[in-house]
């Protein structure tokens, strides 16, 4: 029993969420009770004719007769007579709520999604699952100290903030000790059992690909079909992965600045990428002196435009926000965009992100290591490096020891469809190649030149039709020799403000349900 438990239980924090079962000899395996399905509270799920319920699972699978936690689950049943089983979906994060994603089947072309029961769920600690993690709801406020620790005072301020956040997370008690991806993978298998399925089909985005990799490693015979979009590199969980992201996001923000320059007639922010970049950083410096509306300082400015590195579909709205601030001093639009992506006052996603990533694999404890690595990276990638460093810095002093990284092994998995865009910044393309090596019966769809993260089922017929074919028949693109993709698709075209190409891109994106766009944007860093 954790030393944290007595104080937590005495405070009553978990008393209503962790239900102790009578003392008895622990059974060799946990057998979940069936889910009691009922109506969903969400309007979107109600429109999708979903049903909702809770699944009780052990807090600690080593003590299956002990305390239980509840996972929120939703399901949209198949409508075709050709039933293909259950499809579990995870949007990533870690920390993303997947409850709404039971509606995702309607985005699969050719009606191929209608042959599955689509099951969305909030992983342990997330969203509507109970208990839900929270450490310090005010962590993401406004006008925070500048990310770049240009002075000893800034460095010590952020070190203290990060340490305080990690310390505050200890109040979550025993749940914090059981938040590893391996725990969530056990939950997936409990969900499989509760649904009465011998095998699962699985669709994972971003971190959800790593959850799928771990599940497939632990339970290869229980995987039927698996789609993994934007693969986490299992060699780099998670310290090195974040340093790699910094370089990739710096490249992508320059791609965005170039796009703005090519559309200077619409936004008037500069006619060259260099001019736009200079203007962007000049505004950031000004916000260090006088925050926009008293709330949007240099950090919030960075966080707002980080979305451009993830999704081309955000480019036009972000361009309007950039131009609105430069030309009209419209700070309200900036605040709206910051609130939409950072959720001030709600740290559930961030708490779970840390609880999983900080304990999945070891992180350096020495601040000197972090400091040297991030200054070296900053020298070539200044856009996001220090923002990302402080986002992950609670892991340096996390109150729960890290486990050993899973050695992902997909050799016994029947097959998997992997998808990745060449310049995806959040999960660089090398991760897709590594997963392809480890899953020798998988096939990889590559999208040369694409910068969008987790963009499948977005209306790109080349990608989405292959997903539909795989889900309908199990057919994968033929495996090619060598170490590259097995099929190539052009990414969706860049938006063009008010132009025909932009209209084509908009129509292509219309195939992506709003729920998917909202869910994925809510979980990205």
Protein backbone atom coordinates (compact mmCIF):
# COMPACT_ATOMS: atom_id res chain seq x y z
CA UNK A 1 0.00 0.00 0.00
CA UNK A 2 1.38 3.39 -0.95
CA UNK A 3 2.45 5.78 1.76
CA UNK A 4 0.16 8.28 0.06
CA UNK A 5 -2.97 6.24 0.65
CA UNK A 6 -3.81 6.89 4.34
CA UNK A 7 -3.71 10.66 4.04
CA UNK A 8 -5.68 10.65 0.80
CA UNK A 9 -8.36 8.35 2.07
CA UNK A 10 -8.60 10.30 5.28
CA UNK A 11 -9.25 13.39 3.24
CA UNK A 12 -12.01 11.55 1.42
CA UNK A 13 -10.66 12.39 -2.03
CA UNK A 14 -11.05 8.89 -3.42
CA UNK A 15 -13.61 7.48 -1.05
CA UNK A 16 -16.49 7.88 -3.48
CA UNK A 17 -14.50 6.53 -6.43
CA UNK A 18 -12.54 3.56 -5.16
CA UNK A 19 -14.88 0.83 -3.99
CA UNK A 20 -13.25 -1.74 -1.74
CA UNK A 21 -14.44 -5.31 -2.27
CA UNK A 22 -14.66 -7.83 0.59
CA UNK A 23 -11.38 -9.45 1.56
CA UNK A 24 -10.87 -12.69 -0.33
CA UNK A 25 -8.23 -14.66 -2.15
CA UNK A 26 -7.37 -12.82 -5.33
CA UNK A 27 -8.52 -14.67 -8.45
CA UNK A 28 -5.82 -15.42 -11.03
CA UNK A 29 -7.43 -13.08 -13.56
CA UNK A 30 -9.87 -10.23 -13.29
CA UNK A 31 -13.23 -10.95 -14.92
CA UNK A 32 -15.14 -7.73 -15.64
CA UNK A 33 -18.86 -7.41 -15.18
CA UNK A 34 -20.93 -6.60 -18.29
CA UNK A 35 -21.48 -2.92 -18.98
CA UNK A 36 -24.94 -1.63 -18.15
CA UNK A 37 -25.77 0.49 -21.18
CA UNK A 38 -28.04 3.51 -21.11
CA UNK A 39 -28.53 6.90 -22.78
CA UNK A 40 -25.59 9.28 -23.28
CA UNK A 41 -25.53 12.78 -21.82
CA UNK A 42 -23.62 14.20 -24.80
CA UNK A 43 -25.82 15.71 -27.50
CA UNK A 44 -23.39 14.56 -30.16
CA UNK A 45 -23.45 10.97 -28.95
CA UNK A 46 -27.22 11.08 -28.65
CA UNK A 47 -27.46 12.20 -32.29
CA UNK A 48 -25.17 9.32 -33.24
CA UNK A 49 -27.54 6.96 -31.40
CA UNK A 50 -24.79 5.93 -29.04
CA UNK A 51 -25.29 4.22 -25.73
CA UNK A 52 -23.14 4.90 -22.69
CA UNK A 53 -22.09 3.17 -19.51
CA UNK A 54 -19.22 2.48 -17.12
CA UNK A 55 -16.77 -0.37 -16.85
CA UNK A 56 -15.38 -1.23 -13.41
CA UNK A 57 -11.73 -2.33 -13.48
CA UNK A 58 -9.12 -2.87 -10.77
CA UNK A 59 -7.11 0.11 -9.68
CA UNK A 60 -4.21 -2.34 -9.45
CA UNK A 61 -4.36 -5.47 -11.60
CA UNK A 62 -1.99 -7.14 -9.14
CA UNK A 63 -4.85 -6.89 -6.66
CA UNK A 64 -7.91 -7.70 -8.81
CA UNK A 65 -10.16 -8.17 -5.77
CA UNK A 66 -9.23 -4.77 -4.38
CA UNK A 67 -10.28 -1.22 -5.11
CA UNK A 68 -12.03 -0.49 -8.42
CA UNK A 69 -12.15 2.52 -10.70
CA UNK A 70 -14.75 3.28 -13.39
CA UNK A 71 -14.08 3.89 -17.08
CA UNK A 72 -16.62 5.87 -19.10
CA UNK A 73 -17.54 3.99 -22.29
CA UNK A 74 -19.76 4.73 -25.31
CA UNK A 75 -20.86 2.51 -28.17
CA UNK A 76 -22.45 2.98 -31.58
CA UNK A 77 -23.67 -0.38 -32.81
CA UNK A 78 -23.15 -1.77 -36.30
CA UNK A 79 -25.91 -1.28 -38.85
CA UNK A 80 -24.69 -3.69 -41.57
CA UNK A 81 -25.53 -7.38 -41.54
CA UNK A 82 -21.85 -8.14 -42.18
CA UNK A 83 -20.79 -7.73 -38.54
CA UNK A 84 -17.01 -7.45 -38.09
CA UNK A 85 -16.73 -7.04 -34.32
CA UNK A 86 -15.86 -4.23 -31.94
CA UNK A 87 -13.64 -1.28 -32.90
CA UNK A 88 -11.98 0.44 -29.94
CA UNK A 89 -10.73 4.00 -30.57
CA UNK A 90 -8.18 6.16 -28.76
CA UNK A 91 -7.42 9.77 -29.78
CA UNK A 92 -4.02 10.05 -28.10
CA UNK A 93 -2.60 12.54 -25.66
CA UNK A 94 -2.06 10.73 -23.40
CA UNK A 95 -4.95 12.35 -21.62
CA UNK A 96 -7.37 12.69 -24.50
CA UNK A 97 -11.03 11.91 -23.95
CA UNK A 98 -12.18 9.33 -26.47
CA UNK A 99 -15.77 9.03 -25.37
CA UNK A 100 -17.07 10.94 -28.40
CA UNK A 101 -15.16 8.79 -30.88
CA UNK A 102 -17.73 6.03 -30.98
CA UNK A 103 -19.25 8.24 -33.69
CA UNK A 104 -16.16 7.88 -35.87
CA UNK A 105 -17.46 4.97 -37.93
CA UNK A 106 -19.57 7.26 -40.07
CA UNK A 107 -16.38 8.89 -41.43
CA UNK A 108 -15.17 5.65 -43.03
CA UNK A 109 -15.94 5.64 -46.78
CA UNK A 110 -17.99 3.01 -48.61
CA UNK A 111 -20.01 2.28 -45.49
CA UNK A 112 -17.15 0.08 -44.24
CA UNK A 113 -17.43 1.49 -40.74
CA UNK A 114 -21.03 0.36 -40.42
CA UNK A 115 -19.99 -3.27 -39.94
CA UNK A 116 -18.40 -2.56 -36.56
CA UNK A 117 -19.53 -1.65 -33.08
CA UNK A 118 -17.48 1.52 -32.51
CA UNK A 119 -16.46 1.92 -28.88
CA UNK A 120 -15.10 5.14 -27.45
CA UNK A 121 -13.79 5.43 -23.93
CA UNK A 122 -12.12 7.76 -21.49
CA UNK A 123 -8.97 6.01 -20.26
CA UNK A 124 -8.33 5.76 -16.54
CA UNK A 125 -8.08 9.17 -14.94
CA UNK A 126 -9.50 10.96 -18.01
CA UNK A 127 -12.63 13.05 -18.44
CA UNK A 128 -15.80 11.24 -17.39
CA UNK A 129 -13.96 8.25 -15.93
CA UNK A 130 -13.79 8.17 -12.16
CA UNK A 131 -11.74 9.23 -10.40
CA UNK A 132 -10.47 11.87 -12.82
CA UNK A 133 -6.99 13.23 -12.24
CA UNK A 134 -6.35 16.87 -11.40
CA UNK A 135 -3.29 18.40 -9.77
CA UNK A 136 -3.48 22.19 -10.14
CA UNK A 137 -6.37 23.49 -12.27
CA UNK A 138 -4.76 26.92 -12.42
CA UNK A 139 -1.52 25.72 -13.96
CA UNK A 140 -2.45 27.09 -17.39
CA UNK A 141 -3.30 30.67 -16.61
CA UNK A 142 -2.50 33.83 -18.52
CA UNK A 143 0.58 36.00 -18.97
CA UNK A 144 2.92 33.40 -17.50
CA UNK A 145 6.69 33.94 -17.20
CA UNK A 146 8.48 33.69 -20.55
CA UNK A 147 9.30 30.13 -21.59
CA UNK A 148 12.87 30.87 -22.64
CA UNK A 149 14.89 30.97 -19.38
CA UNK A 150 17.06 33.87 -20.47
CA UNK A 151 17.73 34.84 -16.83
CA UNK A 152 18.41 32.79 -13.69
CA UNK A 153 15.18 34.17 -12.26
CA UNK A 154 13.09 32.81 -15.15
CA UNK A 155 14.81 29.44 -14.92
CA UNK A 156 14.18 29.17 -11.18
CA UNK A 157 10.59 30.33 -11.60
CA UNK A 158 9.81 27.56 -14.09
CA UNK A 159 11.73 24.96 -12.09
CA UNK A 160 9.64 25.87 -9.06
CA UNK A 161 6.39 25.82 -11.03
CA UNK A 162 7.18 22.41 -12.49
CA UNK A 163 8.25 20.98 -9.14
CA UNK A 164 5.15 22.36 -7.45
CA UNK A 165 2.91 20.80 -10.07
CA UNK A 166 4.50 17.38 -9.62
CA UNK A 167 4.16 17.71 -5.85
CA UNK A 168 0.50 18.70 -6.15
CA UNK A 169 -0.19 15.59 -8.22
CA UNK A 170 0.66 13.37 -5.24
CA UNK A 171 -2.77 14.20 -3.78
CA UNK A 172 -4.27 11.79 -6.32
CA UNK A 173 -2.95 8.98 -4.18
CA UNK A 174 -2.95 5.37 -5.35
CA UNK A 175 -4.34 6.11 -8.81
CA UNK A 176 -1.11 7.94 -9.67
CA UNK A 177 0.82 4.70 -9.22
CA UNK A 178 -1.22 2.86 -11.85
CA UNK A 179 -1.32 5.17 -14.86
CA UNK A 180 1.22 3.54 -17.15
CA UNK A 181 0.36 2.58 -20.70
CA UNK A 182 0.61 -1.04 -19.59
CA UNK A 183 -2.24 -0.36 -17.12
CA UNK A 184 -4.35 1.18 -19.89
CA UNK A 185 -3.60 -1.80 -22.12
CA UNK A 186 -4.94 -4.07 -19.38
CA UNK A 187 -8.05 -1.88 -19.32
CA UNK A 188 -8.43 -2.38 -23.07
CA UNK A 189 -8.43 -6.11 -22.54
CA UNK A 190 -10.95 -5.83 -19.72
CA UNK A 191 -13.13 -3.81 -22.09
CA UNK A 192 -12.75 -6.54 -24.70
CA UNK A 193 -13.95 -9.12 -22.20
CA UNK A 194 -16.85 -6.97 -21.00
CA UNK A 195 -17.99 -6.59 -24.61
CA UNK A 196 -17.92 -10.36 -25.04
CA UNK A 197 -15.34 -10.24 -27.84
CA UNK A 198 -12.56 -12.75 -28.41
CA UNK A 199 -10.60 -10.17 -30.41
CA UNK A 200 -10.64 -6.41 -30.84
CA UNK A 201 -10.25 -4.14 -33.81
CA UNK A 202 -8.42 -0.96 -32.86
CA UNK A 203 -7.97 2.55 -34.26
CA UNK A 204 -5.36 4.73 -32.60
CA UNK A 205 -4.20 8.28 -33.28
CA UNK A 206 -0.89 9.75 -32.06
CA UNK A 207 -0.17 8.43 -28.53
CA UNK A 208 -3.05 6.07 -29.22
CA UNK A 209 -0.68 4.30 -31.63
CA UNK A 210 1.68 3.60 -28.75
CA UNK A 211 -1.19 2.23 -26.68
CA UNK A 212 -2.01 -0.01 -29.65
CA UNK A 213 1.64 -1.08 -29.96
CA UNK A 214 1.77 -2.02 -26.28
CA UNK A 215 -1.56 -3.87 -26.43
CA UNK A 216 -0.44 -5.78 -29.51
CA UNK A 217 2.82 -6.70 -27.76
CA UNK A 218 1.02 -8.02 -24.69
CA UNK A 219 -2.00 -9.59 -26.42
CA UNK A 220 -1.07 -10.29 -30.06
CA UNK A 221 -3.62 -13.06 -30.50
CA UNK A 222 -6.41 -10.71 -29.45
CA UNK A 223 -5.77 -8.21 -32.26
CA UNK A 224 -7.86 -8.66 -35.39
CA UNK A 225 -7.37 -5.44 -37.34
CA UNK A 226 -5.48 -2.36 -36.30
CA UNK A 227 -5.15 1.14 -37.80
CA UNK A 228 -2.34 3.23 -36.33
CA UNK A 229 -2.21 6.85 -37.53
CA UNK A 230 0.92 8.93 -36.74
CA UNK A 231 3.06 6.44 -34.90
CA UNK A 232 5.03 7.13 -31.76
CA UNK A 233 8.58 5.82 -32.09
CA UNK A 234 8.82 3.09 -29.41
CA UNK A 235 12.59 3.61 -29.15
CA UNK A 236 12.16 7.17 -27.89
CA UNK A 237 9.49 7.18 -25.20
CA UNK A 238 9.39 9.92 -24.17
CA UNK A 239 12.31 12.24 -23.36
CA UNK A 240 14.07 11.97 -26.71
CA UNK A 241 10.74 12.05 -28.55
CA UNK A 242 10.07 15.53 -27.20
CA UNK A 243 13.46 16.85 -28.24
CA UNK A 244 12.84 15.48 -31.74
CA UNK A 245 9.46 17.23 -31.79
CA UNK A 246 11.10 20.59 -31.12
CA UNK A 247 13.15 20.43 -34.30
CA UNK A 248 10.17 19.23 -36.34
CA UNK A 249 7.84 21.96 -35.08
CA UNK A 250 10.42 24.62 -35.86
CA UNK A 251 10.53 23.33 -39.44
CA UNK A 252 6.74 23.31 -39.68
CA UNK A 253 6.25 26.82 -38.35
CA UNK A 254 8.64 28.01 -41.05
CA UNK A 255 6.47 26.18 -43.60
CA UNK A 256 3.52 28.12 -42.20
CA UNK A 257 5.37 31.43 -42.37
CA UNK A 258 6.16 30.69 -46.02
CA UNK A 259 2.47 30.02 -46.68
CA UNK A 260 1.56 33.35 -45.06
CA UNK A 261 4.09 35.12 -47.23
CA UNK A 262 2.65 33.55 -50.38
CA UNK A 263 -0.73 34.93 -49.33
CA UNK A 264 0.38 38.39 -48.31
CA UNK A 265 -2.42 39.81 -50.46
CA UNK A 266 -4.87 38.36 -47.92
CA UNK A 267 -3.06 38.93 -44.62
CA UNK A 268 -0.40 41.63 -45.22
CA UNK A 269 2.12 40.09 -42.84
CA UNK A 270 5.15 40.04 -45.13
CA UNK A 271 6.08 38.97 -48.63
CA UNK A 272 8.82 36.53 -47.62
CA UNK A 273 8.93 33.77 -45.03
CA UNK A 274 11.80 35.58 -43.32
CA UNK A 275 9.78 38.79 -43.05
CA UNK A 276 6.77 36.96 -41.58
CA UNK A 277 9.02 35.13 -39.13
CA UNK A 278 10.67 38.37 -38.04
CA UNK A 279 7.23 39.94 -37.52
CA UNK A 280 6.00 36.96 -35.49
CA UNK A 281 8.97 37.10 -33.13
CA UNK A 282 8.76 40.90 -32.92
CA UNK A 283 5.16 40.57 -31.74
CA UNK A 284 6.25 37.97 -29.20
CA UNK A 285 8.86 40.38 -27.80
CA UNK A 286 6.26 43.15 -27.57
CA UNK A 287 3.90 40.85 -25.70
CA UNK A 288 6.68 40.22 -23.18
CA UNK A 289 6.51 43.90 -22.34
CA UNK A 290 2.76 44.39 -22.61
CA UNK A 291 0.49 41.34 -22.85
CA UNK A 292 -2.41 41.58 -25.29
CA UNK A 293 -5.51 42.43 -23.32
CA UNK A 294 -3.41 41.88 -20.20
CA UNK A 295 -3.63 38.09 -20.75
CA UNK A 296 -1.80 36.97 -23.91
CA UNK A 297 1.90 37.09 -23.22
CA UNK A 298 4.81 35.45 -25.09
CA UNK A 299 3.98 31.93 -23.88
CA UNK A 300 0.32 32.14 -24.83
CA UNK A 301 1.36 33.53 -28.21
CA UNK A 302 3.54 30.45 -28.80
CA UNK A 303 0.86 28.05 -27.63
CA UNK A 304 -1.73 29.58 -29.95
CA UNK A 305 0.41 29.21 -33.06
CA UNK A 306 1.67 25.74 -32.14
CA UNK A 307 -1.53 24.47 -33.76
CA UNK A 308 -0.18 25.54 -37.15
CA UNK A 309 2.55 22.96 -36.73
CA UNK A 310 -0.05 20.25 -36.21
CA UNK A 311 -2.84 20.94 -38.68
CA UNK A 312 -2.97 22.79 -41.99
CA UNK A 313 -6.71 23.06 -41.42
CA UNK A 314 -5.95 25.68 -38.72
CA UNK A 315 -3.84 27.89 -40.98
CA UNK A 316 -6.52 30.28 -42.18
CA UNK A 317 -8.06 30.93 -38.76
CA UNK A 318 -4.63 31.43 -37.22
CA UNK A 319 -3.69 33.78 -40.05
CA UNK A 320 -6.76 35.88 -39.33
CA UNK A 321 -5.87 35.97 -35.64
CA UNK A 322 -2.28 36.99 -36.44
CA UNK A 323 -3.37 39.69 -38.87
CA UNK A 324 -6.15 40.85 -36.57
CA UNK A 325 -3.65 41.45 -33.80
CA UNK A 326 -1.02 43.13 -36.00
CA UNK A 327 -3.41 45.41 -37.86
CA UNK A 328 -6.29 45.95 -35.44
CA UNK A 329 -4.96 44.95 -32.00
CA UNK A 330 -7.73 42.35 -31.73
CA UNK A 331 -6.66 40.45 -28.61
CA UNK A 332 -10.06 38.84 -27.99
CA UNK A 333 -9.61 36.45 -30.91
CA UNK A 334 -6.19 35.47 -29.58
CA UNK A 335 -7.67 34.74 -26.17
CA UNK A 336 -10.48 32.67 -27.69
CA UNK A 337 -7.97 30.52 -29.54
CA UNK A 338 -5.77 30.12 -26.47
CA UNK A 339 -8.73 29.11 -24.32
CA UNK A 340 -9.83 26.57 -26.92
CA UNK A 341 -6.50 24.74 -26.97
CA UNK A 342 -5.12 25.24 -23.45
CA UNK A 343 -8.28 25.01 -21.32
CA UNK A 344 -7.30 27.35 -18.46
CA UNK A 345 -8.88 26.15 -15.23
CA UNK A 346 -8.97 22.49 -16.28
CA UNK A 347 -5.76 20.47 -16.02
CA UNK A 348 -7.22 16.96 -16.38
CA UNK A 349 -5.58 16.30 -19.74
CA UNK A 350 -2.24 17.69 -18.59
CA UNK A 351 -2.36 15.73 -15.34
CA UNK A 352 -2.97 12.47 -17.19
CA UNK A 353 -0.34 13.34 -19.79
CA UNK A 354 2.23 13.60 -17.02
CA UNK A 355 0.95 10.62 -15.06
CA UNK A 356 1.43 8.38 -18.10
CA UNK A 357 4.52 9.81 -19.76
CA UNK A 358 6.44 10.37 -16.54
CA UNK A 359 6.03 6.73 -15.48
CA UNK A 360 6.14 4.80 -18.78
CA UNK A 361 9.93 5.11 -19.00
CA UNK A 362 12.71 6.87 -17.06
CA UNK A 363 13.42 10.58 -17.46
CA UNK A 364 16.67 12.35 -16.57
CA UNK A 365 16.59 13.56 -12.97
CA UNK A 366 19.53 15.91 -13.41
CA UNK A 367 18.51 19.43 -14.37
CA UNK A 368 21.92 19.86 -15.97
CA UNK A 369 21.01 17.17 -18.53
CA UNK A 370 17.73 18.89 -19.37
CA UNK A 371 19.36 22.30 -19.51
CA UNK A 372 22.16 21.28 -21.85
CA UNK A 373 19.93 19.24 -24.15
CA UNK A 374 17.32 21.97 -24.47
CA UNK A 375 19.76 24.84 -25.01
CA UNK A 376 21.47 22.80 -27.74
CA UNK A 377 18.09 22.11 -29.34
CA UNK A 378 16.98 25.74 -28.91
CA UNK A 379 20.01 26.91 -30.87
CA UNK A 380 18.55 25.29 -33.99
CA UNK A 381 14.85 25.27 -33.11
CA UNK A 382 13.76 28.25 -31.03
CA UNK A 383 10.00 28.17 -31.71
CA UNK A 384 8.83 25.45 -29.32
CA UNK A 385 11.88 24.03 -27.52
CA UNK A 386 11.54 25.68 -24.13
CA UNK A 387 7.74 25.61 -24.14
CA UNK A 388 7.94 21.87 -24.66
CA UNK A 389 10.66 21.50 -22.05
CA UNK A 390 8.56 23.13 -19.34
CA UNK A 391 5.47 21.19 -20.44
CA UNK A 392 7.34 18.00 -19.63
CA UNK A 393 9.46 19.27 -16.73
CA UNK A 394 7.18 17.83 -13.98
CA UNK A 395 8.57 14.43 -15.01
CA UNK A 396 11.94 15.37 -13.54
CA UNK A 397 10.53 15.34 -10.00
CA UNK A 398 7.46 13.14 -10.49
CA UNK A 399 6.37 11.52 -7.20
CA UNK A 400 5.92 8.03 -8.70
CA UNK A 401 8.95 6.07 -9.98
CA UNK A 402 9.07 5.36 -13.70
CA UNK A 403 8.83 1.83 -15.02
CA UNK A 404 10.77 0.20 -17.81
CA UNK A 405 9.80 1.01 -21.38
CA UNK A 406 7.96 -1.77 -23.19
CA UNK A 407 9.95 -3.57 -25.87
CA UNK A 408 7.32 -3.29 -28.60
CA UNK A 409 7.09 -6.46 -30.66
CA UNK A 410 4.46 -6.91 -33.37
CA UNK A 411 5.79 -10.06 -35.00
CA UNK A 412 2.81 -12.14 -33.88
CA UNK A 413 0.17 -9.61 -34.96
CA UNK A 414 -1.84 -10.67 -38.01
CA UNK A 415 -1.62 -7.27 -39.64
CA UNK A 416 -1.86 -3.51 -39.16
CA UNK A 417 -2.36 -0.45 -41.35
CA UNK A 418 0.09 2.34 -40.50
CA UNK A 419 -0.36 5.93 -41.70
CA UNK A 420 1.93 8.95 -41.50
CA UNK A 421 2.63 12.28 -43.20
CA UNK A 422 6.26 12.94 -44.06
CA UNK A 423 6.62 16.13 -42.02
CA UNK A 424 4.29 15.38 -39.12
CA UNK A 425 5.98 17.24 -36.27
CA UNK A 426 4.36 15.60 -33.26
CA UNK A 427 5.27 12.07 -34.37
CA UNK A 428 8.12 12.32 -36.87
CA UNK A 429 7.95 9.92 -39.79
CA UNK A 430 10.85 7.82 -38.54
CA UNK A 431 8.48 6.46 -35.91
CA UNK A 432 6.23 5.03 -38.61
CA UNK A 433 9.22 3.33 -40.20
CA UNK A 434 10.30 1.83 -36.89
CA UNK A 435 6.83 0.45 -36.18
CA UNK A 436 6.73 -1.00 -39.70
CA UNK A 437 9.96 -2.87 -38.91
CA UNK A 438 8.52 -4.24 -35.68
CA UNK A 439 5.21 -5.26 -37.27
CA UNK A 440 6.41 -7.30 -40.26
CA UNK A 441 2.86 -8.01 -41.48
CA UNK A 442 1.87 -4.34 -41.47
CA UNK A 443 1.72 -1.89 -44.37
CA UNK A 444 2.54 1.81 -44.24
CA UNK A 445 0.81 4.59 -46.17
CA UNK A 446 3.12 7.57 -46.48
CA UNK A 447 2.09 11.09 -47.50
CA UNK A 448 5.09 12.93 -48.97
CA UNK A 449 5.31 16.59 -48.04
CA UNK A 450 2.40 16.49 -45.60
CA UNK A 451 2.69 18.36 -42.29
CA UNK A 452 -0.61 17.33 -40.68
CA UNK A 453 -0.69 15.15 -37.58
CA UNK A 454 -3.18 12.29 -37.22
CA UNK A 455 -5.10 13.30 -40.33
CA UNK A 456 -6.74 10.10 -41.52
CA UNK A 457 -10.49 10.01 -42.18
CA UNK A 458 -10.20 13.67 -43.15
CA UNK A 459 -11.52 13.36 -46.66
CA UNK A 460 -8.33 12.32 -48.48
CA UNK A 461 -9.77 9.60 -50.72
CA UNK A 462 -6.41 7.96 -51.37
CA UNK A 463 -5.87 7.33 -47.66
CA UNK A 464 -9.45 6.87 -46.52
CA UNK A 465 -10.41 4.41 -49.27
CA UNK A 466 -7.50 2.19 -48.25
CA UNK A 467 -8.71 2.33 -44.66
CA UNK A 468 -12.18 1.35 -45.83
CA UNK A 469 -10.82 -1.56 -47.88
CA UNK A 470 -8.79 -2.81 -44.94
CA UNK A 471 -11.70 -2.60 -42.53
CA UNK A 472 -14.02 -4.28 -45.04
CA UNK A 473 -11.82 -7.15 -46.17
CA UNK A 474 -8.53 -7.09 -44.25
CA UNK A 475 -6.68 -6.23 -47.47
CA UNK A 476 -3.52 -4.17 -46.93
CA UNK A 477 -1.42 -2.40 -49.55
CA UNK A 478 1.19 -4.94 -50.75
CA UNK A 479 4.30 -4.88 -48.60
CA UNK A 480 7.23 -3.44 -50.54
CA UNK A 481 10.87 -4.37 -50.22
CA UNK A 482 13.10 -2.08 -48.29
CA UNK A 483 12.52 0.28 -45.40
CA UNK A 484 10.04 2.77 -46.80
CA UNK A 485 6.29 3.19 -47.24
CA UNK A 486 4.24 0.51 -48.97
CA UNK A 487 1.85 2.99 -50.61
CA UNK A 488 1.99 6.72 -51.25
CA UNK A 489 -0.81 9.27 -51.15
CA UNK A 490 -0.70 12.99 -51.75
CA UNK A 491 -1.70 14.92 -48.63
CA UNK A 492 -4.70 17.21 -48.82
CA UNK A 493 -3.87 20.49 -50.59
CA UNK A 494 -2.84 23.55 -48.65
CA UNK A 495 -5.66 26.01 -48.08
CA UNK A 496 -5.81 29.06 -50.35
CA UNK A 497 -7.76 31.96 -48.84
CA UNK A 498 -10.82 32.62 -50.94
CA UNK A 499 -9.45 30.67 -53.90
CA UNK A 500 -10.51 27.59 -55.79
CA UNK A 501 -7.78 25.42 -54.28
CA UNK A 502 -8.85 26.52 -50.84
CA UNK A 503 -12.43 25.59 -51.65
CA UNK A 504 -11.29 22.14 -52.78
CA UNK A 505 -9.43 21.67 -49.52
CA UNK A 506 -12.49 22.72 -47.57
CA UNK A 507 -14.66 20.22 -49.42
CA UNK A 508 -12.12 17.48 -48.80
CA UNK A 509 -12.07 18.29 -45.11
CA UNK A 510 -15.84 18.16 -44.96
CA UNK A 511 -15.60 14.38 -44.78
CA UNK A 512 -14.03 14.65 -41.34
CA UNK A 513 -16.67 14.79 -38.58
CA UNK A 514 -16.44 17.88 -36.40
CA UNK A 515 -16.19 15.60 -33.38
CA UNK A 516 -12.94 14.13 -34.71
CA UNK A 517 -11.43 17.57 -35.40
CA UNK A 518 -12.39 18.80 -31.95
CA UNK A 519 -11.20 15.70 -30.12
CA UNK A 520 -7.81 15.58 -31.83
CA UNK A 521 -7.13 19.30 -31.43
CA UNK A 522 -8.01 19.06 -27.77
CA UNK A 523 -5.33 16.47 -27.07
CA UNK A 524 -2.35 17.90 -28.93
CA UNK A 525 0.45 19.73 -27.18
